[in-house]
């Protein structure tokens, strides 16, 4: 199965993605990362109203293969978290980008939110070593 990387998203080397809508960033894990993890069994996310800091850990994801920290691609305040994904983390592998988002963040600084992010093509090139 081919892994999809939607062009409307921005990606990070740590495999998170960002969908920006005004000053709200929706954050999730790329389909590549989810595919690499395998069967996901546990998801830990920050609470609503928690503050996350770019580059800092904001949660963890556990699969049958590994436990991985997730790193905040932006700085801001969590305004929503995907409770359905927490309850049934295996659903992340079904749809990483629409129903598989993790948190929504009110950004502290929209102007720099996408600094250090990659386009879909740039991300694919990094993954394939091109």
N, C-alpha and C. Protein backbone atom coordinates (compact mmCIF):
# COMPACT_ATOMS: atom_id res chain seq x y z
N UNK A 1 0.84 -1.19 0.00
CA UNK A 1 0.00 0.00 0.00
C UNK A 1 0.89 1.25 0.00
N UNK A 2 0.59 2.17 -0.88
CA UNK A 2 1.35 3.42 -0.94
C UNK A 2 0.94 4.33 0.22
N UNK A 3 1.91 4.98 0.80
CA UNK A 3 1.64 5.90 1.90
C UNK A 3 1.42 7.29 1.32
N UNK A 4 0.40 7.96 1.81
CA UNK A 4 -0.01 9.26 1.31
C UNK A 4 0.60 10.38 2.16
N UNK A 5 0.95 11.48 1.49
CA UNK A 5 1.47 12.68 2.16
C UNK A 5 0.76 13.89 1.57
N UNK A 6 -0.38 14.28 2.14
CA UNK A 6 -1.15 15.38 1.56
C UNK A 6 -0.33 16.67 1.46
N UNK A 7 -0.50 17.36 0.32
CA UNK A 7 0.25 18.59 0.06
C UNK A 7 -0.17 19.75 0.96
N UNK A 8 -1.38 19.72 1.50
CA UNK A 8 -1.85 20.84 2.33
C UNK A 8 -1.25 20.82 3.75
N UNK A 9 -0.52 19.76 4.08
CA UNK A 9 0.10 19.65 5.39
C UNK A 9 1.57 20.04 5.33
N UNK A 10 2.14 20.39 6.48
CA UNK A 10 3.58 20.61 6.64
C UNK A 10 4.08 19.50 7.55
N UNK A 11 5.31 19.05 7.34
CA UNK A 11 5.85 17.89 8.04
C UNK A 11 7.14 18.26 8.77
N UNK A 12 7.48 17.44 9.76
CA UNK A 12 8.72 17.63 10.51
C UNK A 12 9.57 16.37 10.39
N UNK A 13 10.88 16.55 10.59
CA UNK A 13 11.78 15.39 10.57
C UNK A 13 11.39 14.36 11.63
N UNK A 14 10.76 14.81 12.71
CA UNK A 14 10.34 13.90 13.78
C UNK A 14 9.01 13.21 13.46
N UNK A 15 8.48 13.44 12.23
CA UNK A 15 7.32 12.75 11.67
C UNK A 15 5.96 13.25 12.16
N UNK A 16 5.92 14.39 12.83
CA UNK A 16 4.64 15.02 13.10
C UNK A 16 4.23 15.82 11.86
N UNK A 17 2.95 16.09 11.76
CA UNK A 17 2.48 17.00 10.72
C UNK A 17 1.68 18.14 11.35
N UNK A 18 1.56 19.24 10.59
CA UNK A 18 0.79 20.40 11.02
C UNK A 18 -0.17 20.78 9.90
N UNK A 19 -1.42 21.00 10.26
CA UNK A 19 -2.40 21.62 9.37
C UNK A 19 -2.73 22.95 10.01
N UNK A 20 -2.46 24.03 9.31
CA UNK A 20 -2.65 25.37 9.88
C UNK A 20 -3.96 25.96 9.36
N UNK A 21 -4.78 26.47 10.28
CA UNK A 21 -6.03 27.15 9.93
C UNK A 21 -6.09 28.41 10.78
N UNK A 22 -5.66 29.53 10.20
CA UNK A 22 -5.56 30.76 10.98
C UNK A 22 -4.51 30.61 12.05
N UNK A 23 -4.90 30.78 13.32
CA UNK A 23 -3.94 30.61 14.42
C UNK A 23 -4.13 29.29 15.17
N UNK A 24 -4.80 28.33 14.50
CA UNK A 24 -5.01 27.01 15.08
C UNK A 24 -4.21 25.99 14.27
N UNK A 25 -3.38 25.22 14.97
CA UNK A 25 -2.60 24.16 14.34
C UNK A 25 -3.16 22.81 14.78
N UNK A 26 -3.50 21.98 13.80
CA UNK A 26 -3.88 20.60 14.07
C UNK A 26 -2.63 19.76 13.88
N UNK A 27 -2.29 18.97 14.88
CA UNK A 27 -1.05 18.20 14.89
C UNK A 27 -1.37 16.71 14.93
N UNK A 28 -0.62 15.96 14.16
CA UNK A 28 -0.77 14.51 14.15
C UNK A 28 0.54 13.87 13.76
N UNK A 29 0.52 12.57 13.59
CA UNK A 29 1.69 11.81 13.15
C UNK A 29 1.51 11.40 11.70
N UNK A 30 2.58 11.48 10.93
CA UNK A 30 2.50 11.11 9.52
C UNK A 30 2.16 9.64 9.36
N UNK A 31 1.59 9.32 8.22
CA UNK A 31 1.26 7.93 7.91
C UNK A 31 2.51 7.06 7.91
N UNK A 32 3.65 7.65 7.51
CA UNK A 32 4.92 6.91 7.54
C UNK A 32 5.24 6.47 8.97
N UNK A 33 5.16 7.41 9.92
CA UNK A 33 5.48 7.10 11.32
C UNK A 33 4.53 6.04 11.86
N UNK A 34 3.26 6.17 11.57
CA UNK A 34 2.27 5.21 12.06
C UNK A 34 2.53 3.83 11.45
N UNK A 35 2.87 3.80 10.17
CA UNK A 35 3.19 2.54 9.49
C UNK A 35 4.42 1.89 10.12
N UNK A 36 5.43 2.69 10.43
CA UNK A 36 6.66 2.18 11.03
C UNK A 36 6.42 1.63 12.44
N UNK A 37 5.53 2.28 13.19
CA UNK A 37 5.24 1.84 14.55
C UNK A 37 4.51 0.50 14.58
N UNK A 38 3.68 0.26 13.59
CA UNK A 38 2.90 -0.97 13.59
C UNK A 38 1.64 -0.80 14.42
N UNK A 39 1.21 -1.86 15.08
CA UNK A 39 -0.05 -1.84 15.83
C UNK A 39 0.07 -0.94 17.06
N UNK A 40 -0.69 0.15 17.05
CA UNK A 40 -0.64 1.13 18.15
C UNK A 40 -1.60 0.68 19.24
N UNK A 41 -1.07 0.67 20.49
CA UNK A 41 -1.87 0.16 21.60
C UNK A 41 -2.16 1.20 22.68
N UNK A 42 -1.41 2.32 22.69
CA UNK A 42 -1.61 3.32 23.74
C UNK A 42 -1.17 4.69 23.24
N UNK A 43 -1.90 5.71 23.64
CA UNK A 43 -1.61 7.08 23.24
C UNK A 43 -1.75 7.99 24.45
N UNK A 44 -0.73 8.77 24.72
CA UNK A 44 -0.77 9.74 25.83
C UNK A 44 -0.66 11.13 25.23
N UNK A 45 -1.67 11.97 25.52
CA UNK A 45 -1.70 13.34 24.98
C UNK A 45 -1.89 14.33 26.11
N UNK A 46 -1.47 15.58 25.89
CA UNK A 46 -1.66 16.60 26.92
C UNK A 46 -3.15 16.92 27.10
N UNK A 47 -3.46 17.49 28.25
CA UNK A 47 -4.83 17.91 28.54
C UNK A 47 -5.14 19.22 27.84
N UNK A 48 -6.43 19.46 27.59
CA UNK A 48 -6.88 20.75 27.08
C UNK A 48 -6.46 21.82 28.10
N UNK A 49 -6.00 22.93 27.59
CA UNK A 49 -5.48 24.08 28.34
C UNK A 49 -4.03 23.91 28.76
N UNK A 50 -3.41 22.75 28.51
CA UNK A 50 -1.97 22.61 28.74
C UNK A 50 -1.23 23.45 27.69
N UNK A 51 -0.06 23.93 28.07
CA UNK A 51 0.80 24.65 27.14
C UNK A 51 1.86 23.69 26.63
N UNK A 52 2.09 23.72 25.31
CA UNK A 52 3.18 22.93 24.75
C UNK A 52 4.23 23.87 24.17
N UNK A 53 5.46 23.42 24.18
CA UNK A 53 6.60 24.23 23.75
C UNK A 53 7.27 23.55 22.57
N UNK A 54 7.49 24.31 21.49
CA UNK A 54 8.12 23.76 20.29
C UNK A 54 9.41 23.03 20.66
N UNK A 55 9.55 21.81 20.15
CA UNK A 55 10.75 21.01 20.40
C UNK A 55 10.68 20.16 21.65
N UNK A 56 9.71 20.42 22.51
CA UNK A 56 9.56 19.65 23.75
C UNK A 56 8.59 18.48 23.53
N UNK A 57 8.69 17.47 24.38
CA UNK A 57 7.79 16.33 24.31
C UNK A 57 6.37 16.77 24.69
N UNK A 58 5.38 16.35 23.89
CA UNK A 58 3.99 16.67 24.24
C UNK A 58 3.16 15.43 24.50
N UNK A 59 3.75 14.26 24.34
CA UNK A 59 3.01 13.03 24.59
C UNK A 59 3.82 11.84 24.11
N UNK A 60 3.21 10.68 24.20
CA UNK A 60 3.90 9.48 23.72
C UNK A 60 2.90 8.55 23.05
N UNK A 61 3.47 7.69 22.22
CA UNK A 61 2.67 6.70 21.51
C UNK A 61 3.35 5.35 21.68
N UNK A 62 2.54 4.34 21.98
CA UNK A 62 3.09 3.01 22.24
C UNK A 62 2.49 2.03 21.23
N UNK A 63 3.38 1.24 20.64
CA UNK A 63 2.93 0.18 19.74
C UNK A 63 3.46 -1.14 20.29
N UNK A 64 3.14 -2.20 19.59
CA UNK A 64 3.67 -3.50 20.00
C UNK A 64 5.18 -3.54 19.80
N UNK A 65 5.73 -2.64 18.98
CA UNK A 65 7.16 -2.61 18.70
C UNK A 65 7.95 -1.68 19.61
N UNK A 66 7.36 -0.52 19.98
CA UNK A 66 8.16 0.51 20.65
C UNK A 66 7.27 1.52 21.35
N UNK A 67 7.90 2.31 22.22
CA UNK A 67 7.27 3.49 22.81
C UNK A 67 8.07 4.69 22.30
N UNK A 68 7.38 5.65 21.72
CA UNK A 68 8.05 6.82 21.15
C UNK A 68 7.46 8.10 21.74
N UNK A 69 8.34 9.05 22.05
CA UNK A 69 7.89 10.38 22.43
C UNK A 69 7.48 11.14 21.18
N UNK A 70 6.54 12.06 21.34
CA UNK A 70 6.15 12.94 20.24
C UNK A 70 6.59 14.35 20.62
N UNK A 71 7.07 15.09 19.64
CA UNK A 71 7.64 16.41 19.89
C UNK A 71 6.77 17.51 19.31
N UNK A 72 6.56 18.54 20.10
CA UNK A 72 5.70 19.65 19.68
C UNK A 72 6.35 20.42 18.53
N UNK A 73 5.64 20.53 17.41
CA UNK A 73 6.17 21.30 16.29
C UNK A 73 5.90 22.79 16.42
N UNK A 74 5.10 23.18 17.42
CA UNK A 74 4.72 24.58 17.63
C UNK A 74 4.64 24.86 19.13
N UNK A 75 4.55 26.14 19.46
CA UNK A 75 4.33 26.57 20.84
C UNK A 75 2.92 27.15 20.93
N UNK A 76 2.19 26.75 21.97
CA UNK A 76 0.85 27.28 22.15
C UNK A 76 0.09 26.52 23.21
N UNK A 77 -1.23 26.74 23.22
CA UNK A 77 -2.11 26.14 24.22
C UNK A 77 -3.01 25.11 23.55
N UNK A 78 -3.08 23.93 24.14
CA UNK A 78 -3.93 22.86 23.61
C UNK A 78 -5.39 23.26 23.81
N UNK A 79 -6.13 23.27 22.70
CA UNK A 79 -7.55 23.63 22.78
C UNK A 79 -8.46 22.42 22.53
N UNK A 80 -7.89 21.34 22.02
CA UNK A 80 -8.66 20.09 21.82
C UNK A 80 -7.68 18.94 21.71
N UNK A 81 -8.15 17.78 22.12
CA UNK A 81 -7.37 16.56 21.90
C UNK A 81 -8.32 15.50 21.39
N UNK A 82 -7.79 14.58 20.64
CA UNK A 82 -8.61 13.57 19.98
C UNK A 82 -8.92 12.44 20.96
N UNK A 83 -10.02 12.60 21.67
CA UNK A 83 -10.43 11.62 22.68
C UNK A 83 -10.71 10.26 22.04
N UNK A 84 -11.25 10.26 20.82
CA UNK A 84 -11.54 9.00 20.13
C UNK A 84 -10.25 8.22 19.87
N UNK A 85 -9.17 8.94 19.53
CA UNK A 85 -7.89 8.27 19.29
C UNK A 85 -7.28 7.74 20.59
N UNK A 86 -7.52 8.44 21.69
CA UNK A 86 -7.02 7.97 22.98
C UNK A 86 -7.76 6.67 23.36
N UNK A 87 -9.07 6.66 23.13
CA UNK A 87 -9.89 5.49 23.45
C UNK A 87 -9.58 4.30 22.55
N UNK A 88 -9.29 4.57 21.27
CA UNK A 88 -9.05 3.50 20.30
C UNK A 88 -7.84 3.88 19.43
N UNK A 89 -6.63 3.83 20.01
CA UNK A 89 -5.43 4.29 19.28
C UNK A 89 -5.15 3.54 17.99
N UNK A 90 -5.68 2.33 17.87
CA UNK A 90 -5.46 1.56 16.65
C UNK A 90 -6.09 2.24 15.43
N UNK A 91 -7.04 3.14 15.66
CA UNK A 91 -7.68 3.83 14.54
C UNK A 91 -6.75 4.81 13.84
N UNK A 92 -5.63 5.19 14.47
CA UNK A 92 -4.69 6.09 13.81
C UNK A 92 -4.19 5.49 12.50
N UNK A 93 -4.01 4.19 12.47
CA UNK A 93 -3.48 3.55 11.26
C UNK A 93 -4.51 3.53 10.13
N UNK A 94 -5.77 3.73 10.44
CA UNK A 94 -6.81 3.73 9.41
C UNK A 94 -6.85 5.05 8.66
N UNK A 95 -6.55 6.16 9.34
CA UNK A 95 -6.66 7.47 8.71
C UNK A 95 -5.83 8.48 9.51
N UNK A 96 -4.57 8.61 9.16
CA UNK A 96 -3.66 9.47 9.92
C UNK A 96 -4.03 10.95 9.82
N UNK A 97 -4.65 11.36 8.72
CA UNK A 97 -4.77 12.79 8.46
C UNK A 97 -6.14 13.41 8.72
N UNK A 98 -7.21 12.65 8.63
CA UNK A 98 -8.53 13.24 8.83
C UNK A 98 -9.03 12.96 10.25
N UNK A 99 -9.21 11.69 10.58
CA UNK A 99 -9.69 11.33 11.92
C UNK A 99 -8.54 11.01 12.87
N UNK A 100 -7.32 10.94 12.36
CA UNK A 100 -6.18 10.53 13.18
C UNK A 100 -5.37 11.67 13.75
N UNK A 101 -5.91 12.90 13.72
CA UNK A 101 -5.20 14.01 14.35
C UNK A 101 -5.07 13.74 15.85
N UNK A 102 -4.10 14.42 16.48
CA UNK A 102 -3.86 14.19 17.91
C UNK A 102 -4.34 15.35 18.77
N UNK A 103 -3.83 16.56 18.47
CA UNK A 103 -4.21 17.73 19.26
C UNK A 103 -4.40 18.94 18.35
N UNK A 104 -5.18 19.91 18.85
CA UNK A 104 -5.32 21.21 18.19
C UNK A 104 -4.76 22.25 19.15
N UNK A 105 -3.95 23.17 18.61
CA UNK A 105 -3.22 24.12 19.44
C UNK A 105 -3.49 25.54 18.98
N UNK A 106 -3.83 26.41 19.94
CA UNK A 106 -3.91 27.85 19.69
C UNK A 106 -2.47 28.36 19.72
N UNK A 107 -2.00 28.86 18.57
CA UNK A 107 -0.59 29.22 18.45
C UNK A 107 -0.25 30.51 19.18
N UNK A 108 0.96 30.53 19.75
CA UNK A 108 1.48 31.76 20.35
C UNK A 108 1.96 32.72 19.27
N UNK A 109 2.54 32.16 18.17
CA UNK A 109 3.11 33.00 17.12
C UNK A 109 2.88 32.34 15.76
N UNK A 110 1.88 32.84 15.05
CA UNK A 110 1.54 32.27 13.75
C UNK A 110 2.67 32.49 12.75
N UNK A 111 3.34 33.63 12.84
CA UNK A 111 4.37 33.99 11.85
C UNK A 111 5.50 32.98 11.78
N UNK A 112 5.85 32.35 12.90
CA UNK A 112 6.96 31.40 12.91
C UNK A 112 6.50 29.95 13.04
N UNK A 113 5.19 29.72 13.01
CA UNK A 113 4.66 28.38 13.27
C UNK A 113 5.19 27.33 12.29
N UNK A 114 5.39 27.72 11.04
CA UNK A 114 5.80 26.73 10.05
C UNK A 114 7.30 26.74 9.77
N UNK A 115 8.06 27.55 10.54
CA UNK A 115 9.51 27.50 10.42
C UNK A 115 9.97 26.08 10.71
N UNK A 116 10.98 25.62 10.02
CA UNK A 116 11.55 24.28 10.23
C UNK A 116 10.63 23.15 9.78
N UNK A 117 9.58 23.46 9.01
CA UNK A 117 8.72 22.39 8.51
C UNK A 117 9.07 22.11 7.05
N UNK A 118 8.60 20.98 6.58
CA UNK A 118 8.88 20.52 5.22
C UNK A 118 7.59 20.40 4.42
N UNK A 119 7.67 20.66 3.13
CA UNK A 119 6.53 20.38 2.25
C UNK A 119 6.41 18.87 2.12
N UNK A 120 5.31 18.42 1.53
CA UNK A 120 5.12 16.98 1.31
C UNK A 120 6.25 16.40 0.46
N UNK A 121 6.64 17.12 -0.59
CA UNK A 121 7.73 16.64 -1.45
C UNK A 121 9.06 16.59 -0.71
N UNK A 122 9.33 17.62 0.08
CA UNK A 122 10.58 17.63 0.86
C UNK A 122 10.60 16.49 1.87
N UNK A 123 9.48 16.25 2.52
CA UNK A 123 9.38 15.18 3.51
C UNK A 123 9.60 13.82 2.84
N UNK A 124 8.91 13.59 1.70
CA UNK A 124 9.09 12.33 0.97
C UNK A 124 10.55 12.13 0.58
N UNK A 125 11.21 13.20 0.13
CA UNK A 125 12.60 13.11 -0.28
C UNK A 125 13.49 12.71 0.92
N UNK A 126 13.21 13.26 2.09
CA UNK A 126 13.97 12.89 3.29
C UNK A 126 13.78 11.42 3.62
N UNK A 127 12.55 10.94 3.50
CA UNK A 127 12.25 9.55 3.83
C UNK A 127 12.92 8.57 2.89
N UNK A 128 13.02 8.97 1.63
CA UNK A 128 13.60 8.06 0.62
C UNK A 128 15.09 8.31 0.42
N UNK A 129 15.63 9.32 1.11
CA UNK A 129 17.06 9.62 1.02
C UNK A 129 17.47 10.26 -0.29
N UNK A 130 16.53 10.91 -0.96
CA UNK A 130 16.84 11.55 -2.26
C UNK A 130 17.44 12.93 -2.05
